[in-house]
Amino acid sequence: LFQRDGLDLHCRVPVSFTTAALGGEVEVPTIDGGRSRVKIPAGAQAGKQMRLRGKGMPALRGGGAGDMLIELGVETPVNLTTRQKELLREFESLSQDNHPEGTSFFGKVKSFWEGMKG
């Protein structure tokens, strides 16, 4: 669940794709057995890292604590109903211009091939 890097802890937290797109809150476990609520900004991408200051490993001799670094793992839904598939297809048709990395990637590919022609 946790990976340690000095006093810092790393944790991958699953987030629904709707929470990643719309924003919201998730609860994450902490090393002391508790939980912390984390606000997820709208438009969060898979792999985004967020920091919880002071929620890492406690330092020896009372010197505070490290941080907990959370990596968002955006989950793709499975076993969709027919209605859910219809809604996602409709959403896809309405959101052709809302994919920043995809748009940037294909723009770079196009520029690459145009440069090869030249």
PDB file of N, CA and C in Angstrom:
ATOM      1  N   LEU A   1       0.827  -1.197   0.000  1.00  0.00           N
ATOM      2  CA  LEU A   1       0.000   0.000   0.000  1.00  0.00           C
ATOM      3  C   LEU A   1       0.870   1.260   0.000  1.00  0.00           C
ATOM      4  N   PHE A   2       1.851   1.300   0.891  1.00  0.00           N
ATOM      5  CA  PHE A   2       2.752   2.454   0.961  1.00  0.00           C
ATOM      6  C   PHE A   2       4.146   2.043   0.509  1.00  0.00           C
ATOM      7  N   GLN A   3       4.819   2.950  -0.176  1.00  0.00           N
ATOM      8  CA  GLN A   3       6.233   2.774  -0.491  1.00  0.00           C
ATOM      9  C   GLN A   3       6.975   3.915   0.188  1.00  0.00           C
ATOM     10  N   ARG A   4       8.065   3.575   0.821  1.00  0.00           N
ATOM     11  CA  ARG A   4       8.806   4.567   1.589  1.00  0.00           C
ATOM     12  C   ARG A   4       9.982   5.109   0.796  1.00  0.00           C
ATOM     13  N   ASP A   5      10.199   6.424   0.918  1.00  0.00           N
ATOM     14  CA  ASP A   5      11.354   7.093   0.328  1.00  0.00           C
ATOM     15  C   ASP A   5      11.863   8.067   1.386  1.00  0.00           C
ATOM     16  N   GLY A   6      12.762   7.588   2.239  1.00  0.00           N
ATOM     17  CA  GLY A   6      13.185   8.406   3.372  1.00  0.00           C
ATOM     18  C   GLY A   6      12.010   8.562   4.324  1.00  0.00           C
ATOM     19  N   LEU A   7      11.671   9.797   4.646  1.00  0.00           N
ATOM     20  CA  LEU A   7      10.517  10.049   5.513  1.00  0.00           C
ATOM     21  C   LEU A   7       9.217  10.175   4.720  1.00  0.00           C
ATOM     22  N   ASP A   8       9.323  10.255   3.409  1.00  0.00           N
ATOM     23  CA  ASP A   8       8.121  10.390   2.578  1.00  0.00           C
ATOM     24  C   ASP A   8       7.532   9.023   2.252  1.00  0.00           C
ATOM     25  N   LEU A   9       6.227   9.002   2.126  1.00  0.00           N
ATOM     26  CA  LEU A   9       5.512   7.791   1.733  1.00  0.00           C
ATOM     27  C   LEU A   9       4.814   8.042   0.413  1.00  0.00           C
ATOM     28  N   HIS A  10       4.778   7.028  -0.431  1.00  0.00           N
ATOM     29  CA  HIS A  10       4.084   7.106  -1.713  1.00  0.00           C
ATOM     30  C   HIS A  10       2.925   6.123  -1.677  1.00  0.00           C
ATOM     31  N   CYS A  11       1.796   6.551  -2.216  1.00  0.00           N
ATOM     32  CA  CYS A  11       0.608   5.712  -2.223  1.00  0.00           C
ATOM     33  C   CYS A  11      -0.177   5.991  -3.502  1.00  0.00           C
ATOM     34  N   ARG A  12      -0.590   4.931  -4.193  1.00  0.00           N
ATOM     35  CA  ARG A  12      -1.423   5.080  -5.394  1.00  0.00           C
ATOM     36  C   ARG A  12      -2.874   4.927  -4.961  1.00  0.00           C
ATOM     37  N   VAL A  13      -3.699   5.906  -5.326  1.00  0.00           N
ATOM     38  CA  VAL A  13      -5.095   5.921  -4.903  1.00  0.00           C
ATOM     39  C   VAL A  13      -6.001   5.823  -6.126  1.00  0.00           C
ATOM     40  N   PRO A  14      -6.907   4.829  -6.146  1.00  0.00           N
ATOM     41  CA  PRO A  14      -7.840   4.725  -7.270  1.00  0.00           C
ATOM     42  C   PRO A  14      -8.902   5.819  -7.202  1.00  0.00           C
ATOM     43  N   VAL A  15      -9.198   6.415  -8.360  1.00  0.00           N
ATOM     44  CA  VAL A  15     -10.201   7.475  -8.472  1.00  0.00           C
ATOM     45  C   VAL A  15     -11.082   7.139  -9.671  1.00  0.00           C
ATOM     46  N   SER A  16     -12.384   7.299  -9.519  1.00  0.00           N
ATOM     47  CA  SER A  16     -13.277   7.039 -10.648  1.00  0.00           C
ATOM     48  C   SER A  16     -13.031   8.074 -11.737  1.00  0.00           C
ATOM     49  N   PHE A  17     -13.315   7.702 -12.977  1.00  0.00           N
ATOM     50  CA  PHE A  17     -13.059   8.648 -14.065  1.00  0.00           C
ATOM     51  C   PHE A  17     -13.985   9.853 -13.966  1.00  0.00           C
ATOM     52  N   THR A  18     -15.162   9.697 -13.364  1.00  0.00           N
ATOM     53  CA  THR A  18     -16.050  10.853 -13.206  1.00  0.00           C
ATOM     54  C   THR A  18     -15.496  11.819 -12.158  1.00  0.00           C
ATOM     55  N   THR A  19     -14.935  11.290 -11.073  1.00  0.00           N
ATOM     56  CA  THR A  19     -14.317  12.164 -10.067  1.00  0.00           C
ATOM     57  C   THR A  19     -13.119  12.884 -10.662  1.00  0.00           C
ATOM     58  N   ALA A  20     -12.324  12.185 -11.462  1.00  0.00           N
ATOM     59  CA  ALA A  20     -11.168  12.818 -12.104  1.00  0.00           C
ATOM     60  C   ALA A  20     -11.621  13.931 -13.049  1.00  0.00           C
ATOM     61  N   ALA A  21     -12.687  13.708 -13.781  1.00  0.00           N
ATOM     62  CA  ALA A  21     -13.163  14.702 -14.743  1.00  0.00           C
ATOM     63  C   ALA A  21     -13.857  15.877 -14.066  1.00  0.00           C
ATOM     64  N   LEU A  22     -14.714  15.594 -13.091  1.00  0.00           N
ATOM     65  CA  LEU A  22     -15.544  16.633 -12.479  1.00  0.00           C
ATOM     66  C   LEU A  22     -14.960  17.223 -11.204  1.00  0.00           C
ATOM     67  N   GLY A  23     -13.999  16.524 -10.607  1.00  0.00           N
ATOM     68  CA  GLY A  23     -13.470  16.948  -9.320  1.00  0.00           C
ATOM     69  C   GLY A  23     -14.297  16.342  -8.200  1.00  0.00           C
ATOM     70  N   GLY A  24     -13.758  16.364  -7.017  1.00  0.00           N
ATOM     71  CA  GLY A  24     -14.459  15.804  -5.863  1.00  0.00           C
ATOM     72  C   GLY A  24     -13.479  15.526  -4.749  1.00  0.00           C
ATOM     73  N   GLU A  25     -13.863  14.639  -3.863  1.00  0.00           N
ATOM     74  CA  GLU A  25     -13.011  14.272  -2.738  1.00  0.00           C
ATOM     75  C   GLU A  25     -12.903  12.762  -2.647  1.00  0.00           C
ATOM     76  N   VAL A  26     -11.751  12.296  -2.181  1.00  0.00           N
ATOM     77  CA  VAL A  26     -11.552  10.882  -1.882  1.00  0.00           C
ATOM     78  C   VAL A  26     -10.905  10.774  -0.509  1.00  0.00           C
ATOM     79  N   GLU A  27     -11.124   9.646   0.142  1.00  0.00           N
ATOM     80  CA  GLU A  27     -10.459   9.364   1.405  1.00  0.00           C
ATOM     81  C   GLU A  27      -9.248   8.497   1.123  1.00  0.00           C
ATOM     82  N   VAL A  28      -8.147   8.826   1.768  1.00  0.00           N
ATOM     83  CA  VAL A  28      -6.936   8.024   1.612  1.00  0.00           C
ATOM     84  C   VAL A  28      -6.484   7.547   2.990  1.00  0.00           C
ATOM     85  N   PRO A  29      -5.962   6.315   3.052  1.00  0.00           N
ATOM     86  CA  PRO A  29      -5.464   5.813   4.336  1.00  0.00           C
ATOM     87  C   PRO A  29      -4.157   6.511   4.702  1.00  0.00           C
ATOM     88  N   THR A  30      -3.916   6.656   5.983  1.00  0.00           N
ATOM     89  CA  THR A  30      -2.657   7.240   6.447  1.00  0.00           C
ATOM     90  C   THR A  30      -1.889   6.190   7.250  1.00  0.00           C
ATOM     91  N   ILE A  31      -0.614   6.421   7.434  1.00  0.00           N
ATOM     92  CA  ILE A  31       0.267   5.451   8.081  1.00  0.00           C
ATOM     93  C   ILE A  31      -0.140   5.182   9.528  1.00  0.00           C
ATOM     94  N   ASP A  32      -0.809   6.134  10.170  1.00  0.00           N
ATOM     95  CA  ASP A  32      -1.212   5.945  11.568  1.00  0.00           C
ATOM     96  C   ASP A  32      -2.532   5.191  11.702  1.00  0.00           C
ATOM     97  N   GLY A  33      -3.057   4.683  10.585  1.00  0.00           N
ATOM     98  CA  GLY A  33      -4.311   3.932  10.619  1.00  0.00           C
ATOM     99  C   GLY A  33      -5.540   4.790  10.405  1.00  0.00           C
ATOM    100  N   GLY A  34      -5.353   6.090  10.307  1.00  0.00           N
ATOM    101  CA  GLY A  34      -6.478   6.990  10.081  1.00  0.00           C
ATOM    102  C   GLY A  34      -6.753   7.186   8.597  1.00  0.00           C
ATOM    103  N   ARG A  35      -7.508   8.215   8.312  1.00  0.00           N
ATOM    104  CA  ARG A  35      -7.831   8.564   6.927  1.00  0.00           C
ATOM    105  C   ARG A  35      -7.780  10.084   6.781  1.00  0.00           C
ATOM    106  N   SER A  36      -7.424  10.522   5.587  1.00  0.00           N
ATOM    107  CA  SER A  36      -7.446  11.950   5.256  1.00  0.00           C
ATOM    108  C   SER A  36      -8.281  12.133   4.002  1.00  0.00           C
ATOM    109  N   ARG A  37      -9.008  13.226   3.948  1.00  0.00           N
ATOM    110  CA  ARG A  37      -9.786  13.555   2.759  1.00  0.00           C
ATOM    111  C   ARG A  37      -8.927  14.440   1.860  1.00  0.00           C
ATOM    112  N   VAL A  38      -8.945  14.112   0.575  1.00  0.00           N
ATOM    113  CA  VAL A  38      -8.146  14.846  -0.402  1.00  0.00           C
ATOM    114  C   VAL A  38      -9.073  15.374  -1.481  1.00  0.00           C
ATOM    115  N   LYS A  39      -8.942  16.672  -1.776  1.00  0.00           N
ATOM    116  CA  LYS A  39      -9.731  17.273  -2.855  1.00  0.00           C
ATOM    117  C   LYS A  39      -9.058  16.983  -4.188  1.00  0.00           C
ATOM    118  N   ILE A  40      -9.829  16.433  -5.113  1.00  0.00           N
ATOM    119  CA  ILE A  40      -9.341  16.137  -6.454  1.00  0.00           C
ATOM    120  C   ILE A  40      -9.819  17.263  -7.365  1.00  0.00           C
ATOM    121  N   PRO A  41      -8.909  17.983  -8.021  1.00  0.00           N
ATOM    122  CA  PRO A  41      -9.343  19.070  -8.903  1.00  0.00           C
ATOM    123  C   PRO A  41      -9.995  18.521 -10.173  1.00  0.00           C
ATOM    124  N   ALA A  42     -10.941  19.263 -10.711  1.00  0.00           N
ATOM    125  CA  ALA A  42     -11.577  18.871 -11.971  1.00  0.00           C
ATOM    126  C   ALA A  42     -10.514  18.771 -13.060  1.00  0.00           C
ATOM    127  N   GLY A  43     -10.621  17.747 -13.886  1.00  0.00           N
ATOM    128  CA  GLY A  43      -9.673  17.562 -14.978  1.00  0.00           C
ATOM    129  C   GLY A  43      -8.390  16.863 -14.573  1.00  0.00           C
ATOM    130  N   ALA A  44      -8.368  16.254 -13.383  1.00  0.00           N
ATOM    131  CA  ALA A  44      -7.163  15.551 -12.923  1.00  0.00           C
ATOM    132  C   ALA A  44      -6.853  14.384 -13.856  1.00  0.00           C
ATOM    133  N   GLN A  45      -5.595  14.242 -14.216  1.00  0.00           N
ATOM    134  CA  GLN A  45      -5.163  13.176 -15.118  1.00  0.00           C
ATOM    135  C   GLN A  45      -4.563  12.020 -14.318  1.00  0.00           C
ATOM    136  N   ALA A  46      -4.590  10.836 -14.903  1.00  0.00           N
ATOM    137  CA  ALA A  46      -3.962   9.670 -14.281  1.00  0.00           C
ATOM    138  C   ALA A  46      -2.485   9.979 -14.054  1.00  0.00           C
ATOM    139  N   GLY A  47      -1.988   9.607 -12.892  1.00  0.00           N
ATOM    140  CA  GLY A  47      -0.584   9.848 -12.569  1.00  0.00           C
ATOM    141  C   GLY A  47      -0.332  11.164 -11.854  1.00  0.00           C
ATOM    142  N   LYS A  48      -1.345  12.030 -11.769  1.00  0.00           N
ATOM    143  CA  LYS A  48      -1.168  13.305 -11.060  1.00  0.00           C
ATOM    144  C   LYS A  48      -0.763  13.011  -9.621  1.00  0.00           C
ATOM    145  N   GLN A  49       0.217  13.749  -9.126  1.00  0.00           N
ATOM    146  CA  GLN A  49       0.656  13.564  -7.752  1.00  0.00           C
ATOM    147  C   GLN A  49       0.197  14.722  -6.888  1.00  0.00           C
ATOM    148  N   MET A  50      -0.224  14.369  -5.692  1.00  0.00           N
ATOM    149  CA  MET A  50      -0.667  15.357  -4.716  1.00  0.00           C
ATOM    150  C   MET A  50       0.086  15.078  -3.417  1.00  0.00           C
ATOM    151  N   ARG A  51       0.342  16.127  -2.649  1.00  0.00           N
ATOM    152  CA  ARG A  51       1.158  16.006  -1.432  1.00  0.00           C
ATOM    153  C   ARG A  51       0.309  16.309  -0.195  1.00  0.00           C
ATOM    154  N   LEU A  52       0.418  15.414   0.787  1.00  0.00           N
ATOM    155  CA  LEU A  52      -0.171  15.661   2.103  1.00  0.00           C
ATOM    156  C   LEU A  52       0.994  15.908   3.058  1.00  0.00           C
ATOM    157  N   ARG A  53       1.202  17.156   3.400  1.00  0.00           N
ATOM    158  CA  ARG A  53       2.341  17.531   4.240  1.00  0.00           C
ATOM    159  C   ARG A  53       2.187  16.961   5.657  1.00  0.00           C
ATOM    160  N   GLY A  54       3.289  16.401   6.142  1.00  0.00           N
ATOM    161  CA  GLY A  54       3.311  15.893   7.508  1.00  0.00           C
ATOM    162  C   GLY A  54       2.601  14.568   7.719  1.00  0.00           C
ATOM    163  N   LYS A  55       2.166  13.902   6.651  1.00  0.00           N
ATOM    164  CA  LYS A  55       1.445  12.630   6.784  1.00  0.00           C
ATOM    165  C   LYS A  55       2.321  11.428   6.449  1.00  0.00           C
ATOM    166  N   GLY A  56       3.635  11.654   6.322  1.00  0.00           N
ATOM    167  CA  GLY A  56       4.559  10.564   6.029  1.00  0.00           C
ATOM    168  C   GLY A  56       5.075   9.922   7.304  1.00  0.00           C
ATOM    169  N   MET A  57       6.265   9.352   7.220  1.00  0.00           N
ATOM    170  CA  MET A  57       6.874   8.679   8.372  1.00  0.00           C
ATOM    171  C   MET A  57       7.317   9.710   9.402  1.00  0.00           C
ATOM    172  N   PRO A  58       7.042   9.429  10.679  1.00  0.00           N
ATOM    173  CA  PRO A  58       7.532  10.337  11.717  1.00  0.00           C
ATOM    174  C   PRO A  58       9.051  10.240  11.833  1.00  0.00           C
ATOM    175  N   ALA A  59       9.674  11.379  12.033  1.00  0.00           N
ATOM    176  CA  ALA A  59      11.130  11.414  12.195  1.00  0.00           C
ATOM    177  C   ALA A  59      11.490  10.949  13.601  1.00  0.00           C
ATOM    178  N   LEU A  60      12.623  10.296  13.713  1.00  0.00           N
ATOM    179  CA  LEU A  60      13.098   9.899  15.035  1.00  0.00           C
ATOM    180  C   LEU A  60      13.444  11.142  15.842  1.00  0.00           C
ATOM    181  N   ARG A  61      13.306  11.036  17.122  1.00  0.00           N
ATOM    182  CA  ARG A  61      13.622  12.137  18.046  1.00  0.00           C
ATOM    183  C   ARG A  61      12.727  13.349  17.844  1.00  0.00           C
ATOM    184  N   GLY A  62      11.488  13.126  17.400  1.00  0.00           N
ATOM    185  CA  GLY A  62      10.493  14.196  17.355  1.00  0.00           C
ATOM    186  C   GLY A  62      10.735  15.304  16.362  1.00  0.00           C
ATOM    187  N   GLY A  63      11.372  15.020  15.256  1.00  0.00           N
ATOM    188  CA  GLY A  63      11.668  16.054  14.273  1.00  0.00           C
ATOM    189  C   GLY A  63      10.601  16.230  13.211  1.00  0.00           C
ATOM    190  N   GLY A  64       9.347  16.041  13.549  1.00  0.00           N
ATOM    191  CA  GLY A  64       8.279  16.192  12.559  1.00  0.00           C
ATOM    192  C   GLY A  64       8.039  14.900  11.804  1.00  0.00           C
ATOM    193  N   ALA A  65       7.513  15.026  10.608  1.00  0.00           N
ATOM    194  CA  ALA A  65       7.217  13.848   9.787  1.00  0.00           C
ATOM    195  C   ALA A  65       7.387  14.208   8.322  1.00  0.00           C
ATOM    196  N   GLY A  66       7.600  13.185   7.526  1.00  0.00           N
ATOM    197  CA  GLY A  66       7.693  13.392   6.083  1.00  0.00           C
ATOM    198  C   GLY A  66       6.314  13.643   5.485  1.00  0.00           C
ATOM    199  N   ASP A  67       6.259  13.655   4.188  1.00  0.00           N
ATOM    200  CA  ASP A  67       5.004  13.895   3.474  1.00  0.00           C
ATOM    201  C   ASP A  67       4.487  12.597   2.871  1.00  0.00           C
ATOM    202  N   MET A  68       3.209  12.568   2.580  1.00  0.00           N
ATOM    203  CA  MET A  68       2.629  11.455   1.847  1.00  0.00           C
ATOM    204  C   MET A  68       2.315  11.958   0.444  1.00  0.00           C
ATOM    205  N   LEU A  69       2.874  11.288  -0.548  1.00  0.00           N
ATOM    206  CA  LEU A  69       2.657  11.659  -1.943  1.00  0.00           C
ATOM    207  C   LEU A  69       1.666  10.676  -2.544  1.00  0.00           C
ATOM    208  N   ILE A  70       0.566  11.209  -3.019  1.00  0.00           N
ATOM    209  CA  ILE A  70      -0.508  10.394  -3.567  1.00  0.00           C
ATOM    210  C   ILE A  70      -0.464  10.486  -5.077  1.00  0.00           C
ATOM    211  N   GLU A  71      -0.485   9.339  -5.730  1.00  0.00           N
ATOM    212  CA  GLU A  71      -0.574   9.299  -7.191  1.00  0.00           C
ATOM    213  C   GLU A  71      -1.973   8.826  -7.557  1.00  0.00           C
ATOM    214  N   LEU A  72      -2.655   9.608  -8.391  1.00  0.00           N
ATOM    215  CA  LEU A  72      -4.014   9.242  -8.788  1.00  0.00           C
ATOM    216  C   LEU A  72      -3.985   8.159  -9.856  1.00  0.00           C
ATOM    217  N   GLY A  73      -4.740   7.117  -9.621  1.00  0.00           N
ATOM    218  CA  GLY A  73      -4.940   6.054 -10.602  1.00  0.00           C
ATOM    219  C   GLY A  73      -6.377   6.131 -11.081  1.00  0.00           C
ATOM    220  N   VAL A  74      -6.580   6.699 -12.256  1.00  0.00           N
ATOM    221  CA  VAL A  74      -7.942   6.873 -12.768  1.00  0.00           C
ATOM    222  C   VAL A  74      -8.440   5.532 -13.295  1.00  0.00           C
ATOM    223  N   GLU A  75      -9.558   5.071 -12.739  1.00  0.00           N
ATOM    224  CA  GLU A  75     -10.112   3.775 -13.098  1.00  0.00           C
ATOM    225  C   GLU A  75     -11.112   3.891 -14.241  1.00  0.00           C
ATOM    226  N   THR A  76     -10.970   3.002 -15.192  1.00  0.00           N
ATOM    227  CA  THR A  76     -11.918   2.906 -16.295  1.00  0.00           C
ATOM    228  C   THR A  76     -12.985   1.894 -15.896  1.00  0.00           C
ATOM    229  N   PRO A  77     -14.252   2.260 -16.014  1.00  0.00           N
ATOM    230  CA  PRO A  77     -15.308   1.332 -15.596  1.00  0.00           C
ATOM    231  C   PRO A  77     -15.359   0.087 -16.486  1.00  0.00           C
ATOM    232  N   VAL A  78     -15.787  -1.013 -15.898  1.00  0.00           N
ATOM    233  CA  VAL A  78     -15.943  -2.279 -16.621  1.00  0.00           C
ATOM    234  C   VAL A  78     -17.383  -2.763 -16.463  1.00  0.00           C
ATOM    235  N   ASN A  79     -17.760  -3.726 -17.280  1.00  0.00           N
ATOM    236  CA  ASN A  79     -19.105  -4.309 -17.224  1.00  0.00           C
ATOM    237  C   ASN A  79     -20.199  -3.249 -17.340  1.00  0.00           C
ATOM    238  N   LEU A  80     -20.059  -2.383 -18.334  1.00  0.00           N
ATOM    239  CA  LEU A  80     -21.024  -1.306 -18.538  1.00  0.00           C
ATOM    240  C   LEU A  80     -22.355  -1.846 -19.050  1.00  0.00           C
ATOM    241  N   THR A  81     -23.427  -1.193 -18.627  1.00  0.00           N
ATOM    242  CA  THR A  81     -24.744  -1.526 -19.155  1.00  0.00           C
ATOM    243  C   THR A  81     -24.876  -0.902 -20.541  1.00  0.00           C
ATOM    244  N   THR A  82     -25.884  -1.320 -21.266  1.00  0.00           N
ATOM    245  CA  THR A  82     -26.135  -0.756 -22.592  1.00  0.00           C
ATOM    246  C   THR A  82     -26.341   0.749 -22.491  1.00  0.00           C
ATOM    247  N   ARG A  83     -27.086   1.185 -21.503  1.00  0.00           N
ATOM    248  CA  ARG A  83     -27.364   2.621 -21.315  1.00  0.00           C
ATOM    249  C   ARG A  83     -26.073   3.391 -21.016  1.00  0.00           C
ATOM    250  N   GLN A  84     -25.222   2.840 -20.179  1.00  0.00           N
ATOM    251  CA  GLN A  84     -23.958   3.504 -19.859  1.00  0.00           C
ATOM    252  C   GLN A  84     -23.088   3.634 -21.108  1.00  0.00           C
ATOM    253  N   LYS A  85     -23.060   2.599 -21.934  1.00  0.00           N
ATOM    254  CA  LYS A  85     -22.297   2.661 -23.184  1.00  0.00           C
ATOM    255  C   LYS A  85     -22.853   3.738 -24.101  1.00  0.00           C
ATOM    256  N   GLU A  86     -24.174   3.824 -24.202  1.00  0.00           N
ATOM    257  CA  GLU A  86     -24.804   4.858 -25.033  1.00  0.00           C
ATOM    258  C   GLU A  86     -24.408   6.244 -24.543  1.00  0.00           C
ATOM    259  N   LEU A  87     -24.472   6.449 -23.231  1.00  0.00           N
ATOM    260  CA  LEU A  87     -24.124   7.757 -22.668  1.00  0.00           C
ATOM    261  C   LEU A  87     -22.654   8.096 -22.903  1.00  0.00           C
ATOM    262  N   LEU A  88     -21.775   7.112 -22.787  1.00  0.00           N
ATOM    263  CA  LEU A  88     -20.355   7.369 -23.039  1.00  0.00           C
ATOM    264  C   LEU A  88     -20.096   7.683 -24.508  1.00  0.00           C
ATOM    265  N   ARG A  89     -20.794   7.017 -25.415  1.00  0.00           N
ATOM    266  CA  ARG A  89     -20.643   7.326 -26.844  1.00  0.00           C
ATOM    267  C   ARG A  89     -21.133   8.745 -27.132  1.00  0.00           C
ATOM    268  N   GLU A  90     -22.237   9.118 -26.506  1.00  0.00           N
ATOM    269  CA  GLU A  90     -22.748  10.483 -26.680  1.00  0.00           C
ATOM    270  C   GLU A  90     -21.746  11.488 -26.115  1.00  0.00           C
ATOM    271  N   PHE A  91     -21.214  11.192 -24.945  1.00  0.00           N
ATOM    272  CA  PHE A  91     -20.210  12.060 -24.336  1.00  0.00           C
ATOM    273  C   PHE A  91     -18.999  12.212 -25.253  1.00  0.00           C
ATOM    274  N   GLU A  92     -18.529  11.106 -25.815  1.00  0.00           N
ATOM    275  CA  GLU A  92     -17.368  11.132 -26.711  1.00  0.00           C
ATOM    276  C   GLU A  92     -17.636  12.015 -27.921  1.00  0.00           C
ATOM    277  N   SER A  93     -18.838  11.929 -28.474  1.00  0.00           N
ATOM    278  CA  SER A  93     -19.155  12.739 -29.656  1.00  0.00           C
ATOM    279  C   SER A  93     -19.206  14.230 -29.325  1.00  0.00           C
ATOM    280  N   LEU A  94     -19.479  14.561 -28.069  1.00  0.00           N
ATOM    281  CA  LEU A  94     -19.555  15.965 -27.654  1.00  0.00           C
ATOM    282  C   LEU A  94     -18.223  16.521 -27.166  1.00  0.00           C
ATOM    283  N   SER A  95     -17.228  15.669 -26.991  1.00  0.00           N
ATOM    284  CA  SER A  95     -15.996  16.136 -26.349  1.00  0.00           C
ATOM    285  C   SER A  95     -14.756  15.939 -27.211  1.00  0.00           C
ATOM    286  N   GLN A  96     -14.872  16.146 -28.488  1.00  0.00           N
ATOM    287  CA  GLN A  96     -13.731  15.969 -29.387  1.00  0.00           C
ATOM    288  C   GLN A  96     -12.587  16.934 -29.083  1.00  0.00           C
ATOM    289  N   ASP A  97     -12.890  18.107 -28.551  1.00  0.00           N
ATOM    290  CA  ASP A  97     -11.859  19.126 -28.306  1.00  0.00           C
ATOM    291  C   ASP A  97     -11.415  19.194 -26.844  1.00  0.00           C
ATOM    292  N   ASN A  98     -11.788  18.208 -26.036  1.00  0.00           N
ATOM    293  CA  ASN A  98     -11.503  18.277 -24.604  1.00  0.00           C
ATOM    294  C   ASN A  98     -10.427  17.300 -24.145  1.00  0.00           C
ATOM    295  N   HIS A  99      -9.550  16.875 -25.040  1.00  0.00           N
ATOM    296  CA  HIS A  99      -8.514  15.913 -24.688  1.00  0.00           C
ATOM    297  C   HIS A  99      -7.146  16.556 -24.896  1.00  0.00           C
ATOM    298  N   PRO A 100      -6.622  17.262 -23.875  1.00  0.00           N
ATOM    299  CA  PRO A 100      -5.391  18.035 -24.050  1.00  0.00           C
ATOM    300  C   PRO A 100      -4.187  17.221 -24.501  1.00  0.00           C
ATOM    301  N   GLU A 101      -3.946  16.066 -23.905  1.00  0.00           N
ATOM    302  CA  GLU A 101      -2.769  15.284 -24.294  1.00  0.00           C
ATOM    303  C   GLU A 101      -2.943  14.673 -25.664  1.00  0.00           C
ATOM    304  N   GLY A 102      -4.130  14.165 -25.957  1.00  0.00           N
ATOM    305  CA  GLY A 102      -4.385  13.565 -27.270  1.00  0.00           C
ATOM    306  C   GLY A 102      -4.233  14.584 -28.377  1.00  0.00           C
ATOM    307  N   THR A 103      -4.781  15.770 -28.180  1.00  0.00           N
ATOM    308  CA  THR A 103      -4.679  16.831 -29.173  1.00  0.00           C
ATOM    309  C   THR A 103      -3.222  17.220 -29.377  1.00  0.00           C
ATOM    310  N   SER A 104      -2.489  17.382 -28.289  1.00  0.00           N
ATOM    311  CA  SER A 104      -1.080  17.743 -28.367  1.00  0.00           C
ATOM    312  C   SER A 104      -0.272  16.642 -29.052  1.00  0.00           C
ATOM    313  N   PHE A 105      -0.540  15.398 -28.700  1.00  0.00           N
ATOM    314  CA  PHE A 105       0.179  14.266 -29.276  1.00  0.00           C
ATOM    315  C   PHE A 105      -0.018  14.206 -30.781  1.00  0.00           C
ATOM    316  N   PHE A 106      -1.268  14.278 -31.232  1.00  0.00           N
ATOM    317  CA  PHE A 106      -1.524  14.171 -32.663  1.00  0.00           C
ATOM    318  C   PHE A 106      -1.006  15.391 -33.421  1.00  0.00           C
ATOM    319  N   GLY A 107      -1.004  16.548 -32.772  1.00  0.00           N
ATOM    320  CA  GLY A 107      -0.405  17.727 -33.386  1.00  0.00           C
ATOM    321  C   GLY A 107       1.091  17.532 -33.600  1.00  0.00           C
ATOM    322  N   LYS A 108       1.765  16.918 -32.627  1.00  0.00           N
ATOM    323  CA  LYS A 108       3.201  16.653 -32.752  1.00  0.00           C
ATOM    324  C   LYS A 108       3.478  15.635 -33.851  1.00  0.00           C
ATOM    325  N   VAL A 109       2.631  14.609 -33.942  1.00  0.00           N
ATOM    326  CA  VAL A 109       2.805  13.600 -34.997  1.00  0.00           C
ATOM    327  C   VAL A 109       2.645  14.248 -36.366  1.00  0.00           C
ATOM    328  N   LYS A 110       1.629  15.098 -36.506  1.00  0.00           N
ATOM    329  CA  LYS A 110       1.386  15.782 -37.779  1.00  0.00           C
ATOM    330  C   LYS A 110       2.589  16.653 -38.145  1.00  0.00           C
ATOM    331  N   SER A 111       3.095  17.415 -37.166  1.00  0.00           N
ATOM    332  CA  SER A 111       4.258  18.270 -37.416  1.00  0.00           C
ATOM    333  C   SER A 111       5.474  17.440 -37.805  1.00  0.00           C
ATOM    334  N   PHE A 112       5.651  16.303 -37.161  1.00  0.00           N
ATOM    335  CA  PHE A 112       6.770  15.423 -37.476  1.00  0.00           C
ATOM    336  C   PHE A 112       6.705  14.988 -38.934  1.00  0.00           C
ATOM    337  N   TRP A 113       5.545  14.514 -39.377  1.00  0.00           N
ATOM    338  CA  TRP A 113       5.416  14.017 -40.746  1.00  0.00           C
ATOM    339  C   TRP A 113       5.535  15.145 -41.764  1.00  0.00           C
ATOM    340  N   GLU A 114       5.020  16.325 -41.420  1.00  0.00           N
ATOM    341  CA  GLU A 114       5.167  17.463 -42.328  1.00  0.00           C
ATOM    342  C   GLU A 114       6.633  17.853 -42.454  1.00  0.00           C
ATOM    343  N   GLY A 115       7.377  17.756 -41.347  1.00  0.00           N
ATOM    344  CA  GLY A 115       8.808  18.044 -41.366  1.00  0.00           C
ATOM    345  C   GLY A 115       9.587  17.025 -42.185  1.00  0.00           C
ATOM    346  N   MET A 116       9.129  15.783 -42.194  1.00  0.00           N
ATOM    347  CA  MET A 116       9.789  14.728 -42.966  1.00  0.00           C
ATOM    348  C   MET A 116       9.583  14.935 -44.468  1.00  0.00           C
ATOM    349  N   LYS A 117       8.447  15.522 -44.841  1.00  0.00           N
ATOM    350  CA  LYS A 117       8.149  15.765 -46.259  1.00  0.00           C
ATOM    351  C   LYS A 117       9.038  16.872 -46.816  1.00  0.00           C
ATOM    352  N   GLY A 118       9.246  17.903 -45.961  1.00  0.00           N
ATOM    353  CA  GLY A 118       9.867  19.139 -46.361  1.00  0.00           C
ATOM    354  C   GLY A 118      11.254  19.054 -46.800  1.00  0.00           C
TER     355      GLY A 118
END
